[in-house]
């Protein structure tokens, strides 16, 4: 068999094997993407540590374990604080329910107090407001009951993903540069174009991570002020917890301040609940929508509106990591369009040069 026939046969065989290979790799995709993002951010520190220790394997292991322990401590701190807050709220509500004759009576009396407070300022049907509130409480109870099992399963999935991410992170830090050089050899692009695309991915990931840290700091400060204003104990602590929780887009910080608003409502502190709810919804919630696009767009040279749309669309398409993958895909598409434009312009100049040479040769022959 000729070499060309061998290449065709191997190419067809590889094409047939790619779909099952993709199905095999799909369950590990999220862990690999998270490890890739962490590897890009940690690569400069790991390279300096390798030069200092002169033992690449050990230095990479230290970098990996340090990053994993730091992330684990942050997640554990947020989870512990949130669990403590929910336990405190539940204990207070339990005591209140005993005083009022049980949970149904507590829900009914609390709904009546909210209805009276709302109807005092807004001319609405008190019976309709009361029915809506009780229906909402009932649906929330059913939702929490039905999702306890899925929450336990989700915790197990997080542990497995964390373990896989740790393994992938170690090998990406240790062999990532070699794998990139190997992949660049298989692309039909010039080395400059390949390096430009790799640099685009690197800058996009770093810009998005910077955006995450900026949002964590800004939301933490805003939440601290809001908790201090309503008189919550340890506002700095809860502000820090809320800032760290904002790493999870859209639902992160509301997991901290919404239970506090609910507790204020059940305790009859309606103005405190209203003030904190408005502050959390319109001020804290807008920090992510405004600050992140400007921080990311400044480094990626993209318009903040495009970055915001890419982050929202990426979250709907890819889940929690979509707020990083969305702007990354946008930047990569922009870089590809730029390279295509450069190649087309170069090809056009080459054709114009050949035409000029051909016309010059024709004129010389005629003379």
Protein backbone atom coordinates (compact mmCIF):
# COMPACT_ATOMS: atom_id res chain seq x y z
CA UNK A 1 0.00 0.00 0.00
CA UNK A 2 1.29 3.45 -0.92
CA UNK A 3 1.98 6.10 1.72
CA UNK A 4 -0.99 8.12 0.51
CA UNK A 5 -3.28 5.11 0.86
CA UNK A 6 -1.93 4.44 4.34
CA UNK A 7 -2.61 8.04 5.36
CA UNK A 8 -6.17 7.86 4.01
CA UNK A 9 -6.82 4.58 5.87
CA UNK A 10 -5.40 5.93 9.14
CA UNK A 11 -7.35 9.17 8.74
CA UNK A 12 -10.64 7.30 8.23
CA UNK A 13 -9.87 5.05 11.22
CA UNK A 14 -9.09 8.08 13.40
CA UNK A 15 -12.33 9.76 12.30
CA UNK A 16 -14.32 6.68 13.31
CA UNK A 17 -12.62 6.55 16.71
CA UNK A 18 -13.10 10.25 17.58
CA UNK A 19 -16.84 10.05 18.52
CA UNK A 20 -16.41 7.25 21.09
CA UNK A 21 -13.26 8.94 22.37
CA UNK A 22 -15.25 12.15 22.86
CA UNK A 23 -17.95 10.25 24.76
CA UNK A 24 -15.31 8.70 27.01
CA UNK A 25 -13.70 12.09 27.74
CA UNK A 26 -16.99 14.01 28.22
CA UNK A 27 -17.49 13.17 31.95
CA UNK A 28 -14.04 14.61 32.70
CA UNK A 29 -14.43 17.77 30.62
CA UNK A 30 -15.48 20.08 33.45
CA UNK A 31 -12.59 18.96 35.68
CA UNK A 32 -10.13 19.35 32.80
CA UNK A 33 -11.37 22.85 31.94
CA UNK A 34 -11.13 23.96 35.58
CA UNK A 35 -7.63 22.47 35.85
CA UNK A 36 -6.59 24.23 32.62
CA UNK A 37 -7.76 27.59 33.97
CA UNK A 38 -5.89 27.06 37.23
CA UNK A 39 -2.78 25.88 35.36
CA UNK A 40 -2.69 29.05 33.25
CA UNK A 41 -2.96 31.23 36.36
CA UNK A 42 -0.46 29.22 38.43
CA UNK A 43 2.09 28.60 35.68
CA UNK A 44 4.34 31.66 36.43
CA UNK A 45 4.55 30.77 40.16
CA UNK A 46 5.20 27.12 39.38
CA UNK A 47 7.98 28.00 36.91
CA UNK A 48 9.74 30.16 39.52
CA UNK A 49 9.40 27.41 42.12
CA UNK A 50 10.83 24.83 39.69
CA UNK A 51 13.87 27.05 39.08
CA UNK A 52 14.40 27.49 42.81
CA UNK A 53 13.95 23.84 43.83
CA UNK A 54 15.46 22.35 40.64
CA UNK A 55 13.11 19.37 41.01
CA UNK A 56 10.16 19.81 38.60
CA UNK A 57 8.04 16.97 39.96
CA UNK A 58 8.31 18.01 43.61
CA UNK A 59 7.88 21.73 42.84
CA UNK A 60 4.77 21.03 40.74
CA UNK A 61 3.35 18.85 43.52
CA UNK A 62 3.88 21.67 46.05
CA UNK A 63 2.17 24.19 43.75
CA UNK A 64 -0.76 21.86 43.10
CA UNK A 65 -1.34 20.97 46.75
CA UNK A 66 -1.02 24.60 47.85
CA UNK A 67 -3.62 25.73 45.31
CA UNK A 68 -6.02 22.90 46.15
CA UNK A 69 -5.71 23.45 49.90
CA UNK A 70 -6.27 27.21 49.50
CA UNK A 71 -9.37 26.69 47.36
CA UNK A 72 -10.65 24.01 49.72
CA UNK A 73 -10.24 26.28 52.73
CA UNK A 74 -12.12 29.11 51.01
CA UNK A 75 -14.98 26.84 49.96
CA UNK A 76 -15.07 25.23 53.38
CA UNK A 77 -15.10 28.63 55.08
CA UNK A 78 -18.06 29.80 52.98
CA UNK A 79 -19.92 26.52 53.47
CA UNK A 80 -19.33 26.47 57.22
CA UNK A 81 -20.41 30.08 57.64
CA UNK A 82 -23.52 29.52 55.51
CA UNK A 83 -24.40 26.36 57.46
CA UNK A 84 -23.96 28.22 60.75
CA UNK A 85 -26.17 31.06 59.55
CA UNK A 86 -28.88 28.66 58.39
CA UNK A 87 -28.67 26.71 61.67
CA UNK A 88 -28.99 29.93 63.69
CA UNK A 89 -31.95 31.06 61.60
CA UNK A 90 -33.62 27.67 61.91
CA UNK A 91 -33.16 27.66 65.69
CA UNK A 92 -34.66 31.12 66.02
CA UNK A 93 -37.59 30.17 63.80
CA UNK A 94 -38.11 26.94 65.74
CA UNK A 95 -38.40 28.83 69.01
CA UNK A 96 -40.77 31.28 67.38
CA UNK A 97 -42.86 28.45 65.91
CA UNK A 98 -43.21 26.84 69.36
CA UNK A 99 -44.43 30.14 70.76
CA UNK A 100 -47.03 30.51 68.00
CA UNK A 101 -48.26 26.92 67.85
CA UNK A 102 -46.16 25.21 65.19
CA UNK A 103 -44.72 25.86 61.74
CA UNK A 104 -48.05 26.25 59.90
CA UNK A 105 -49.23 28.82 62.45
CA UNK A 106 -45.88 30.64 62.21
CA UNK A 107 -46.11 30.79 58.43
CA UNK A 108 -49.71 32.00 58.58
CA UNK A 109 -49.06 34.67 61.22
CA UNK A 110 -45.89 35.86 59.43
CA UNK A 111 -47.79 36.09 56.15
CA UNK A 112 -50.55 38.07 57.90
CA UNK A 113 -48.01 40.52 59.32
CA UNK A 114 -46.38 40.99 55.90
CA UNK A 115 -49.81 41.48 54.31
CA UNK A 116 -50.79 44.08 56.90
CA UNK A 117 -47.51 45.95 56.39
CA UNK A 118 -47.88 45.93 52.59
CA UNK A 119 -51.58 46.78 52.55
CA UNK A 120 -50.93 49.74 54.82
CA UNK A 121 -49.06 51.51 52.00
CA UNK A 122 -50.31 49.75 48.86
CA UNK A 123 -54.08 49.50 48.09
CA UNK A 124 -54.16 45.77 47.23
CA UNK A 125 -56.44 42.88 48.15
CA UNK A 126 -55.14 41.52 51.45
CA UNK A 127 -56.60 38.07 50.87
CA UNK A 128 -54.90 37.76 47.46
CA UNK A 129 -51.51 38.86 48.88
CA UNK A 130 -51.87 36.39 51.73
CA UNK A 131 -52.71 33.54 49.38
CA UNK A 132 -49.70 34.33 47.15
CA UNK A 133 -47.35 34.43 50.13
CA UNK A 134 -48.59 31.13 51.55
CA UNK A 135 -48.42 29.53 48.10
CA UNK A 136 -44.84 30.75 47.70
CA UNK A 137 -43.87 29.36 51.11
CA UNK A 138 -45.48 26.04 50.24
CA UNK A 139 -43.64 25.80 46.92
CA UNK A 140 -40.34 26.68 48.61
CA UNK A 141 -40.88 23.92 51.18
CA UNK A 142 -41.64 21.35 48.48
CA UNK A 143 -38.59 22.46 46.49
CA UNK A 144 -36.25 22.12 49.47
CA UNK A 145 -37.69 18.71 50.37
CA UNK A 146 -37.41 17.36 46.84
CA UNK A 147 -33.85 18.61 46.33
CA UNK A 148 -32.19 17.29 49.48
CA UNK A 149 -31.16 14.09 47.70
CA UNK A 150 -29.84 15.95 44.67
CA UNK A 151 -27.88 18.26 46.96
CA UNK A 152 -26.16 15.25 48.56
CA UNK A 153 -25.43 13.84 45.12
CA UNK A 154 -24.11 17.20 44.01
CA UNK A 155 -21.73 17.28 46.99
CA UNK A 156 -20.38 13.88 45.99
CA UNK A 157 -19.97 15.08 42.41
CA UNK A 158 -18.06 18.14 43.65
CA UNK A 159 -15.66 15.89 45.58
CA UNK A 160 -15.02 13.69 42.53
CA UNK A 161 -14.56 16.75 40.30
CA UNK A 162 -12.13 18.23 42.81
CA UNK A 163 -10.05 15.06 42.87
CA UNK A 164 -9.92 14.87 39.07
CA UNK A 165 -9.08 18.57 38.87
CA UNK A 166 -6.16 18.06 41.24
CA UNK A 167 -4.77 15.22 39.11
CA UNK A 168 -5.22 17.15 35.84
CA UNK A 169 -3.70 20.29 37.38
CA UNK A 170 -0.53 18.46 38.40
CA UNK A 171 0.11 17.01 34.94
CA UNK A 172 -0.84 20.24 33.14
CA UNK A 173 1.66 22.21 35.24
CA UNK A 174 4.32 19.54 34.79
CA UNK A 175 3.90 18.76 31.07
CA UNK A 176 1.64 21.52 29.75
CA UNK A 177 4.32 23.37 27.78
CA UNK A 178 5.48 20.14 26.10
CA UNK A 179 1.89 19.27 25.14
CA UNK A 180 1.35 22.74 23.67
CA UNK A 181 4.47 22.45 21.54
CA UNK A 182 3.33 19.01 20.39
CA UNK A 183 -0.12 20.32 19.44
CA UNK A 184 1.37 23.30 17.58
CA UNK A 185 3.36 20.86 15.42
CA UNK A 186 0.12 19.25 14.24
CA UNK A 187 -1.52 22.52 13.18
CA UNK A 188 -0.98 23.79 9.62
CA UNK A 189 -0.53 27.34 10.94
CA UNK A 190 2.65 29.36 11.16
CA UNK A 191 4.34 29.42 14.53
CA UNK A 192 3.53 33.13 14.97
CA UNK A 193 -0.18 32.50 14.43
CA UNK A 194 -0.21 29.56 16.84
CA UNK A 195 1.61 31.56 19.52
CA UNK A 196 -0.83 34.46 19.02
CA UNK A 197 -3.84 32.19 19.59
CA UNK A 198 -2.27 30.63 22.67
CA UNK A 199 -1.50 34.11 24.04
CA UNK A 200 -5.13 35.11 23.41
CA UNK A 201 -6.38 32.18 25.48
CA UNK A 202 -3.89 32.97 28.26
CA UNK A 203 -4.82 36.66 28.41
CA UNK A 204 -8.54 35.85 28.40
CA UNK A 205 -8.25 33.42 31.31
CA UNK A 206 -6.11 35.82 33.36
CA UNK A 207 -8.49 38.71 32.60
CA UNK A 208 -11.50 36.67 33.75
CA UNK A 209 -9.74 35.56 36.92
CA UNK A 210 -8.88 39.21 37.64
CA UNK A 211 -12.55 40.01 37.10
CA UNK A 212 -13.54 37.33 39.63
CA UNK A 213 -11.21 38.76 42.27
CA UNK A 214 -12.47 42.29 41.60
CA UNK A 215 -16.09 41.18 42.03
CA UNK A 216 -15.23 39.26 45.23
CA UNK A 217 -13.63 42.37 46.74
CA UNK A 218 -16.35 44.80 45.61
CA UNK A 219 -19.28 42.62 46.65
CA UNK A 220 -17.60 41.87 49.97
CA UNK A 221 -17.28 45.59 50.72
CA UNK A 222 -20.87 46.32 49.64
CA UNK A 223 -22.28 43.44 51.68
CA UNK A 224 -20.26 44.49 54.73
CA UNK A 225 -21.78 47.96 54.56
CA UNK A 226 -25.29 46.56 54.08
CA UNK A 227 -24.95 44.14 57.01
CA UNK A 228 -23.55 46.93 59.21
CA UNK A 229 -26.44 49.22 58.28
CA UNK A 230 -29.12 46.69 59.30
CA UNK A 231 -27.29 45.89 62.55
CA UNK A 232 -26.20 42.33 61.81
CA UNK A 233 -23.62 40.82 64.14
CA UNK A 234 -20.10 40.47 62.63
CA UNK A 235 -20.81 42.39 59.39
CA UNK A 236 -17.18 42.14 58.24
CA UNK A 237 -17.22 38.35 58.61
CA UNK A 238 -20.47 37.94 56.71
CA UNK A 239 -19.37 40.46 54.10
CA UNK A 240 -16.24 38.38 53.49
CA UNK A 241 -18.33 35.21 53.26
CA UNK A 242 -20.68 36.86 50.78
CA UNK A 243 -17.76 38.13 48.71
CA UNK A 244 -16.22 34.65 48.51
CA UNK A 245 -19.61 33.17 47.63
CA UNK A 246 -19.85 35.57 44.67
CA UNK A 247 -17.34 33.31 42.88
CA UNK A 248 -20.45 31.33 41.92
CA UNK A 249 -22.13 33.65 39.37
CA UNK A 250 -25.68 34.98 39.87
CA UNK A 251 -26.56 32.82 42.91
CA UNK A 252 -23.40 33.16 45.04
CA UNK A 253 -23.91 36.21 47.23
CA UNK A 254 -27.75 35.91 47.32
CA UNK A 255 -27.23 32.58 49.15
CA UNK A 256 -25.82 34.70 52.00
CA UNK A 257 -28.07 37.75 52.18
CA UNK A 258 -31.42 36.20 51.17
CA UNK A 259 -31.68 33.97 54.29
CA UNK A 260 -30.94 37.05 56.42
CA UNK A 261 -33.72 38.97 54.65
CA UNK A 262 -36.09 36.04 55.27
CA UNK A 263 -35.11 35.96 58.95
CA UNK A 264 -35.85 39.68 59.28
CA UNK A 265 -39.26 39.12 57.68
CA UNK A 266 -40.21 36.31 60.07
CA UNK A 267 -39.00 38.36 63.02
CA UNK A 268 -41.18 41.31 61.96
CA UNK A 269 -38.25 43.63 61.06
CA UNK A 270 -39.83 44.64 57.75
CA UNK A 271 -37.86 47.83 57.18
CA UNK A 272 -34.57 46.02 57.78
CA UNK A 273 -35.64 43.25 55.41
CA UNK A 274 -36.69 45.78 52.79
CA UNK A 275 -33.48 47.81 53.09
CA UNK A 276 -31.20 44.77 52.90
CA UNK A 277 -33.25 43.21 50.08
CA UNK A 278 -33.09 46.36 47.95
CA UNK A 279 -29.39 46.83 48.69
CA UNK A 280 -28.59 43.23 47.79
CA UNK A 281 -30.71 43.16 44.64
CA UNK A 282 -29.84 46.53 43.12
CA UNK A 283 -26.40 47.44 44.50
CA UNK A 284 -24.64 44.17 45.29
CA UNK A 285 -26.24 42.40 42.35
CA UNK A 286 -25.21 45.10 39.88
CA UNK A 287 -21.53 44.95 40.90
CA UNK A 288 -21.05 41.68 38.98
CA UNK A 289 -22.88 43.02 35.92
CA UNK A 290 -20.91 46.27 35.78
CA UNK A 291 -17.46 45.69 37.26
CA UNK A 292 -16.55 42.32 35.73
CA UNK A 293 -17.09 43.37 32.06
CA UNK A 294 -14.93 46.49 32.52
CA UNK A 295 -12.09 44.59 34.22
CA UNK A 296 -12.15 41.78 31.65
CA UNK A 297 -12.69 44.05 28.66
CA UNK A 298 -9.80 46.33 29.61
CA UNK A 299 -7.29 43.48 29.25
CA UNK A 300 -8.93 41.69 26.33
CA UNK A 301 -9.52 44.92 24.36
CA UNK A 302 -13.21 44.03 24.02
CA UNK A 303 -16.28 46.19 24.63
CA UNK A 304 -17.71 45.67 28.15
CA UNK A 305 -21.22 45.04 26.75
CA UNK A 306 -19.90 42.17 24.60
CA UNK A 307 -18.05 40.72 27.59
CA UNK A 308 -21.20 40.92 29.74
CA UNK A 309 -23.32 39.22 27.06
CA UNK A 310 -20.68 36.53 26.55
CA UNK A 311 -20.51 35.84 30.31
CA UNK A 312 -24.30 35.57 30.65
CA UNK A 313 -24.66 33.44 27.52
CA UNK A 314 -21.73 31.26 28.55
CA UNK A 315 -23.32 30.63 31.95
CA UNK A 316 -26.56 29.49 30.33
CA UNK A 317 -24.65 27.31 27.84
CA UNK A 318 -21.93 25.76 30.02
CA UNK A 319 -23.06 26.20 33.62
CA UNK A 320 -20.96 27.71 36.41
CA UNK A 321 -17.74 27.86 34.37
CA UNK A 322 -19.56 29.56 31.51
CA UNK A 323 -18.83 33.03 32.87
CA UNK A 324 -15.17 32.25 32.12
CA UNK A 325 -15.69 30.22 28.94
CA UNK A 326 -18.06 32.73 27.33
CA UNK A 327 -15.56 35.63 27.19
CA UNK A 328 -12.81 33.12 26.30
CA UNK A 329 -14.74 31.91 23.24
CA UNK A 330 -15.48 35.53 22.27
CA UNK A 331 -11.80 36.51 22.48
CA UNK A 332 -10.72 33.40 20.56
CA UNK A 333 -13.21 34.11 17.77
CA UNK A 334 -11.99 37.72 17.59
CA UNK A 335 -8.37 36.50 17.40
CA UNK A 336 -9.25 34.01 14.64
CA UNK A 337 -11.02 36.71 12.63
CA UNK A 338 -7.98 38.96 13.03
CA UNK A 339 -5.61 36.22 11.81
CA UNK A 340 -7.90 35.43 8.87
CA UNK A 341 -7.97 39.12 7.95
CA UNK A 342 -4.17 39.26 8.12
CA UNK A 343 -3.78 36.15 5.94
CA UNK A 344 -6.30 37.43 3.38
CA UNK A 345 -4.52 40.80 3.22
CA UNK A 346 -1.14 39.08 2.80
CA UNK A 347 -2.53 36.84 0.03
CA UNK A 348 -4.02 39.86 -1.72
CA UNK A 349 -0.72 41.73 -1.57
CA UNK A 350 1.05 38.65 -2.94
CA UNK A 351 -1.35 38.42 -5.87
CA UNK A 352 -0.99 42.13 -6.60
CA UNK A 353 2.79 41.77 -6.55
CA UNK A 354 2.64 38.83 -8.98
CA UNK A 355 0.35 40.85 -11.25
CA UNK A 356 2.75 43.79 -11.25
CA UNK A 357 5.66 41.49 -12.09
CA UNK A 358 3.67 39.88 -14.91
CA UNK A 359 2.71 43.27 -16.38
CA UNK A 360 6.32 44.41 -16.16
CA UNK A 361 7.49 41.31 -18.03
CA UNK A 362 4.87 41.88 -20.75
CA UNK A 363 5.95 45.50 -21.24
CA UNK A 364 9.58 44.43 -21.50
CA UNK A 365 8.75 41.83 -24.18
CA UNK A 366 6.75 44.37 -26.18
CA UNK A 367 9.65 46.82 -26.14
